[in-house]
Amino acid sequence: MKTRVPSIVSVFRPLALLSLLLAMSGCTVYQSIGKSVGSYLHPVSGHDFVHIANEKWDHRNALLYFYRPHSQWAADEIEAPSVYIDDTHYFNIRNDSYTWLEVSPGERHIAMRRPLLGLEGLNSFSLSLIADATLKVEPGQIYYLRYNELSEPARRHPELAPDDPLAQGALQLVTRDYAMQAEEIVSTRFLNSDLLAPNHAATSIVETTEDIDYERQLTRLEEERELEIERLKEAGKYESASWFWPFGGGPTVPLETDREIRKLEREYARLERERERQEEAESGGGWWIF
């Protein structure tokens, strides 16, 4: 009698369907189904480490390098941990590998989660949250983030406080000098994207991070606006709506937060126009069917 062994596709298909149903219900699902294969099953085969050329990224932005030095633990891994920037999944980092992302300046939230058959968490719950940190990045700067669950860097980053999340644990920010040592990033291979382990790294995510920053600032200003209105009510500078005309009423003085919101919206509109001009320039200003 033959025994039928379930294929990888048959195992992951119901998990992917479950993830889709949860996402449709409004839940935030953290998952890397079909992307989490580890080095034991699929070793990294990219080229040896090399910095990307200076002309390949805009120095008004920042560059993040992620790397994972070789260890037997990581080499025997069935599933590799996921890396998220600003709550968006970009790649799963396997043994002896590196990759990079170009991001806009500002505060970037970095998280790592360990999957179980690709599933990682739901809303605020995570099966295994490896790292949860915020890194403030500056224009033109390059940052090196080292992941190793067995050994921490021999030297802490001098610009980080001892209690900073990126100065302790498995994921740490290290200096360029430290990363350039033997057995560090220089000994790793590029985390290429392929059919068995696709990823969305080694690219610019500047537009995405700019949009996230806009949404964050707008949300913050809207919350501050509510607080400002409460202060004006207490100070007697707010008129309530009449019972017969519910659309009236409001503050009797201009709101500072309204001014800041209008400024933010103008800046974002200018940014969108700049993107459109750049897209037109890159496309040659149009297309020609002949």
Protein backbone atom coordinates (compact mmCIF):
# COMPACT_ATOMS: atom_id res chain seq x y z
CA MET A 1 0.00 0.00 0.00
CA LYS A 2 1.38 3.38 -0.99
CA THR A 3 1.59 6.18 1.56
CA ARG A 4 0.85 9.60 0.18
CA VAL A 5 3.14 12.34 1.46
CA PRO A 6 1.56 15.81 1.41
CA SER A 7 3.37 18.31 -0.80
CA ILE A 8 4.58 21.70 0.40
CA VAL A 9 1.89 23.37 -1.71
CA SER A 10 -0.87 21.32 -0.09
CA VAL A 11 0.43 22.26 3.36
CA PHE A 12 0.67 25.99 2.71
CA ARG A 13 -2.52 26.41 0.66
CA PRO A 14 -4.93 26.23 3.64
CA LEU A 15 -2.65 28.53 5.66
CA ALA A 16 -2.66 31.09 2.87
CA LEU A 17 -6.45 30.85 2.65
CA LEU A 18 -6.78 31.33 6.41
CA SER A 19 -4.48 34.35 6.27
CA LEU A 20 -6.56 35.86 3.46
CA LEU A 21 -9.81 35.36 5.36
CA LEU A 22 -8.39 37.00 8.48
CA ALA A 23 -7.10 39.94 6.47
CA MET A 24 -10.51 40.38 4.84
CA SER A 25 -12.09 40.47 8.30
CA GLY A 26 -10.07 43.59 9.14
CA CYS A 27 -7.38 41.89 11.22
CA THR A 28 -3.71 42.70 10.71
CA VAL A 29 -2.12 39.39 9.80
CA TYR A 30 1.65 39.00 9.97
CA GLN A 31 2.76 36.19 7.70
CA SER A 32 5.45 35.17 5.24
CA ILE A 33 3.83 32.07 3.78
CA GLY A 34 5.84 30.84 0.83
CA LYS A 35 8.76 33.15 1.70
CA SER A 36 10.06 31.80 5.01
CA VAL A 37 12.10 28.81 3.83
CA GLY A 38 15.35 28.52 5.79
CA SER A 39 18.92 27.76 4.78
CA TYR A 40 18.65 24.07 5.63
CA LEU A 41 16.25 23.67 2.72
CA HIS A 42 17.48 26.53 0.54
CA PRO A 43 20.98 27.96 1.17
CA VAL A 44 21.73 31.46 -0.06
CA SER A 45 23.45 31.43 -3.45
CA GLY A 46 23.86 35.12 -4.29
CA HIS A 47 27.08 36.97 -5.05
CA ASP A 48 29.63 37.90 -2.40
CA PHE A 49 29.06 41.10 -0.45
CA VAL A 50 29.60 44.38 -2.22
CA HIS A 51 28.25 47.84 -1.45
CA ILE A 52 25.81 49.17 -4.00
CA ALA A 53 27.29 51.93 -6.15
CA ASN A 54 26.87 55.51 -4.91
CA GLU A 55 24.96 56.49 -8.04
CA LYS A 56 22.43 53.69 -7.44
CA TRP A 57 20.77 55.46 -4.53
CA ASP A 58 19.64 59.01 -3.77
CA HIS A 59 21.80 60.51 -1.03
CA ARG A 60 18.88 62.62 0.16
CA ASN A 61 17.67 59.31 1.60
CA ALA A 62 19.29 56.70 3.85
CA LEU A 63 20.54 53.18 3.19
CA LEU A 64 19.94 50.21 5.51
CA TYR A 65 22.08 47.08 5.23
CA PHE A 66 20.83 43.93 6.97
CA TYR A 67 23.13 40.97 7.39
CA ARG A 68 23.29 37.63 9.16
CA PRO A 69 26.72 36.05 9.74
CA HIS A 70 27.14 32.31 9.34
CA SER A 71 26.35 29.99 12.24
CA GLN A 72 25.50 26.32 12.33
CA TRP A 73 22.25 27.20 14.09
CA ALA A 74 21.18 29.43 11.22
CA ALA A 75 22.42 26.93 8.62
CA ASP A 76 20.15 24.24 10.13
CA GLU A 77 17.11 26.52 10.19
CA ILE A 78 13.93 25.28 8.51
CA GLU A 79 12.25 28.70 8.53
CA ALA A 80 14.00 32.07 8.50
CA PRO A 81 12.77 35.10 10.48
CA SER A 82 10.92 37.94 8.79
CA VAL A 83 12.02 41.57 8.63
CA TYR A 84 9.45 44.37 8.66
CA ILE A 85 10.00 48.07 8.05
CA ASP A 86 7.17 50.31 9.24
CA ASP A 87 4.89 47.29 9.59
CA THR A 88 5.48 46.05 6.03
CA HIS A 89 7.17 42.71 5.36
CA TYR A 90 10.12 42.83 2.95
CA PHE A 91 12.23 39.69 3.37
CA ASN A 92 13.16 36.69 5.50
CA ILE A 93 16.84 36.72 6.35
CA ARG A 94 18.63 33.40 5.94
CA ASN A 95 22.00 32.23 7.15
CA ASP A 96 25.13 33.89 5.76
CA SER A 97 23.23 36.56 3.80
CA TYR A 98 22.84 40.30 3.38
CA THR A 99 20.50 42.70 1.63
CA TRP A 100 19.64 46.40 1.66
CA LEU A 101 16.79 48.92 1.49
CA GLU A 102 16.77 52.61 0.61
CA VAL A 103 14.43 54.55 2.91
CA SER A 104 13.40 58.15 3.46
CA PRO A 105 14.89 60.06 6.41
CA GLY A 106 13.05 59.97 9.71
CA GLU A 107 12.05 57.36 12.24
CA ARG A 108 11.83 53.87 10.79
CA HIS A 109 10.19 51.12 12.80
CA ILE A 110 12.03 47.80 12.45
CA ALA A 111 10.56 44.50 13.62
CA MET A 112 11.53 40.86 13.23
CA ARG A 113 9.23 37.89 13.73
CA ARG A 114 9.89 34.17 13.69
CA PRO A 115 7.27 32.27 11.65
CA LEU A 116 5.61 28.93 12.20
CA LEU A 117 4.66 27.51 8.80
CA GLY A 118 4.73 31.11 7.58
CA LEU A 119 2.29 32.47 10.17
CA GLU A 120 3.75 35.05 12.56
CA GLY A 121 1.07 36.99 14.38
CA LEU A 122 -2.31 38.65 14.47
CA ASN A 123 -2.83 42.30 15.41
CA SER A 124 -0.76 42.93 18.58
CA PHE A 125 -0.07 39.21 19.12
CA SER A 126 3.15 37.70 17.75
CA LEU A 127 4.20 34.07 17.94
CA SER A 128 7.80 35.18 18.41
CA LEU A 129 8.74 38.86 18.23
CA ILE A 130 12.52 38.86 17.90
CA ALA A 131 13.09 42.59 17.51
CA ASP A 132 10.96 45.70 17.90
CA ALA A 133 12.87 48.96 17.58
CA THR A 134 12.83 52.44 16.07
CA LEU A 135 15.84 53.79 14.21
CA LYS A 136 16.11 57.47 13.32
CA VAL A 137 17.92 57.71 10.00
CA GLU A 138 19.55 60.78 8.50
CA PRO A 139 19.93 61.83 4.84
CA GLY A 140 23.00 60.40 3.12
CA GLN A 141 23.83 57.98 5.93
CA ILE A 142 24.40 54.21 5.73
CA TYR A 143 23.35 51.93 8.58
CA TYR A 144 24.36 48.32 9.26
CA LEU A 145 21.97 46.03 11.12
CA ARG A 146 23.43 42.72 12.27
CA TYR A 147 21.27 39.72 13.15
CA ASN A 148 22.75 36.82 15.10
CA GLU A 149 20.81 34.87 17.72
CA LEU A 150 23.92 33.16 19.14
CA SER A 151 26.40 35.98 19.69
CA GLU A 152 26.15 39.73 20.15
CA PRO A 153 28.66 42.18 18.66
CA ALA A 154 31.89 42.53 20.61
CA ARG A 155 31.44 46.31 20.57
CA ARG A 156 28.28 48.34 21.06
CA HIS A 157 27.44 51.14 18.67
CA PRO A 158 28.84 54.31 20.31
CA GLU A 159 25.80 56.43 19.42
CA LEU A 160 23.28 54.12 21.09
CA ALA A 161 22.30 54.14 24.76
CA PRO A 162 22.85 50.80 26.54
CA ASP A 163 19.09 50.31 26.92
CA ASP A 164 18.32 51.03 23.25
CA PRO A 165 16.59 48.00 21.65
CA LEU A 166 19.17 48.06 18.85
CA ALA A 167 22.04 47.89 21.36
CA GLN A 168 20.95 44.54 22.77
CA GLY A 169 19.43 41.28 21.60
CA ALA A 170 19.75 39.41 18.32
CA LEU A 171 19.31 42.43 16.00
CA GLN A 172 21.77 45.24 16.64
CA LEU A 173 23.00 48.35 14.90
CA VAL A 174 26.76 48.19 14.35
CA THR A 175 29.29 50.62 12.95
CA ARG A 176 30.71 50.38 9.46
CA ASP A 177 34.12 49.45 10.89
CA TYR A 178 32.60 46.56 12.81
CA ALA A 179 30.55 45.34 9.84
CA MET A 180 33.65 45.39 7.61
CA GLN A 181 35.52 42.91 9.83
CA ALA A 182 36.17 39.35 8.69
CA GLU A 183 33.27 36.99 9.40
CA GLU A 184 30.82 39.89 9.42
CA ILE A 185 28.95 41.38 6.44
CA VAL A 186 31.98 41.05 4.15
CA SER A 187 31.75 37.25 4.39
CA THR A 188 28.04 37.05 3.52
CA ARG A 189 26.28 36.50 0.21
CA PHE A 190 23.48 38.47 -1.40
CA LEU A 191 19.98 37.38 -0.41
CA ASN A 192 18.64 36.90 -3.92
CA SER A 193 14.92 36.59 -4.57
CA ASP A 194 13.83 33.39 -6.26
CA LEU A 195 10.88 31.04 -6.58
CA LEU A 196 11.55 29.18 -3.32
CA ALA A 197 12.23 32.30 -1.25
CA PRO A 198 10.93 35.48 -2.90
CA ASN A 199 11.61 38.82 -1.25
CA HIS A 200 11.07 42.53 -1.83
CA ALA A 201 14.44 43.86 -0.68
CA ALA A 202 17.46 45.36 -2.48
CA THR A 203 15.34 48.25 -3.70
CA SER A 204 14.12 51.72 -2.81
CA ILE A 205 11.05 51.90 -0.60
CA VAL A 206 11.29 55.68 -0.28
CA GLU A 207 7.81 56.42 -1.64
CA THR A 208 6.29 53.90 0.76
CA THR A 209 8.10 55.33 3.79
CA GLU A 210 7.25 58.89 2.73
CA ASP A 211 3.57 57.96 2.51
CA ILE A 212 3.76 56.30 5.93
CA ASP A 213 5.37 59.42 7.43
CA TYR A 214 2.59 61.57 5.95
CA GLU A 215 -0.12 59.34 7.43
CA ARG A 216 1.63 59.30 10.81
CA GLN A 217 1.95 63.07 10.94
CA LEU A 218 -1.64 63.58 9.79
CA THR A 219 -2.94 61.20 12.46
CA ARG A 220 -0.85 62.94 15.12
CA LEU A 221 -2.12 66.38 14.08
CA GLU A 222 -5.73 65.21 14.04
CA GLU A 223 -5.33 63.91 17.58
CA GLU A 224 -3.70 67.17 18.66
CA ARG A 225 -6.57 69.08 17.02
CA GLU A 226 -9.07 67.34 19.29
CA LEU A 227 -6.98 68.27 22.32
CA GLU A 228 -6.70 71.87 21.11
CA ILE A 229 -10.48 72.10 20.75
CA GLU A 230 -10.91 70.80 24.31
CA ARG A 231 -8.53 73.49 25.58
CA LEU A 232 -10.47 76.18 23.69
CA LYS A 233 -13.74 74.95 25.19
CA GLU A 234 -12.26 75.25 28.67
CA ALA A 235 -11.03 78.75 27.83
CA GLY A 236 -14.47 79.83 26.57
CA LYS A 237 -13.28 80.19 22.97
CA TYR A 238 -15.65 77.66 21.46
CA GLU A 239 -19.29 78.10 20.44
CA SER A 240 -21.61 75.11 20.63
CA ALA A 241 -23.97 74.35 17.75
CA SER A 242 -27.59 75.50 18.05
CA TRP A 243 -30.23 72.84 18.63
CA PHE A 244 -31.99 73.84 15.39
CA TRP A 245 -28.80 73.99 13.28
CA PRO A 246 -26.37 71.20 14.23
CA PHE A 247 -23.86 72.24 11.56
CA GLY A 248 -22.92 75.51 13.26
CA GLY A 249 -20.61 76.20 16.16
CA GLY A 250 -16.89 75.72 16.47
CA PRO A 251 -13.82 77.53 17.76
CA THR A 252 -13.92 81.32 17.80
CA VAL A 253 -10.20 81.57 17.02
CA PRO A 254 -8.15 79.88 14.29
CA LEU A 255 -6.72 76.50 15.24
CA GLU A 256 -2.96 76.13 15.18
CA THR A 257 -3.34 72.46 14.25
CA ASP A 258 -5.49 73.40 11.23
CA ARG A 259 -2.63 75.58 10.01
CA GLU A 260 -0.17 72.71 10.48
CA ILE A 261 -2.48 70.26 8.71
CA ARG A 262 -2.81 72.60 5.71
CA LYS A 263 0.98 72.98 5.61
CA LEU A 264 1.45 69.20 5.74
CA GLU A 265 -1.07 68.67 2.94
CA ARG A 266 0.65 71.31 0.76
CA GLU A 267 4.01 69.64 1.30
CA TYR A 268 2.59 66.24 0.42
CA ALA A 269 0.89 67.61 -2.69
CA ARG A 270 4.23 69.12 -3.73
CA LEU A 271 5.89 65.75 -3.14
CA GLU A 272 3.32 64.01 -5.34
CA ARG A 273 3.88 66.54 -8.14
CA GLU A 274 7.62 65.94 -7.89
CA ARG A 275 7.03 62.20 -8.19
CA GLU A 276 4.91 62.75 -11.30
CA ARG A 277 7.59 64.92 -12.90
CA GLN A 278 10.25 62.35 -12.11
CA GLU A 279 8.13 59.56 -13.55
CA GLU A 280 7.57 61.55 -16.74
CA ALA A 281 11.29 62.29 -17.02
CA GLU A 282 12.20 58.62 -16.57
CA SER A 283 9.63 57.55 -19.16
CA GLY A 284 10.85 60.11 -21.68
CA GLY A 285 7.76 62.29 -21.39
CA GLY A 286 5.38 59.84 -23.01
CA TRP A 287 5.24 56.88 -25.37
CA TRP A 288 5.37 56.41 -29.09
CA ILE A 289 3.49 53.54 -30.71
CA PHE A 290 5.70 53.51 -33.80
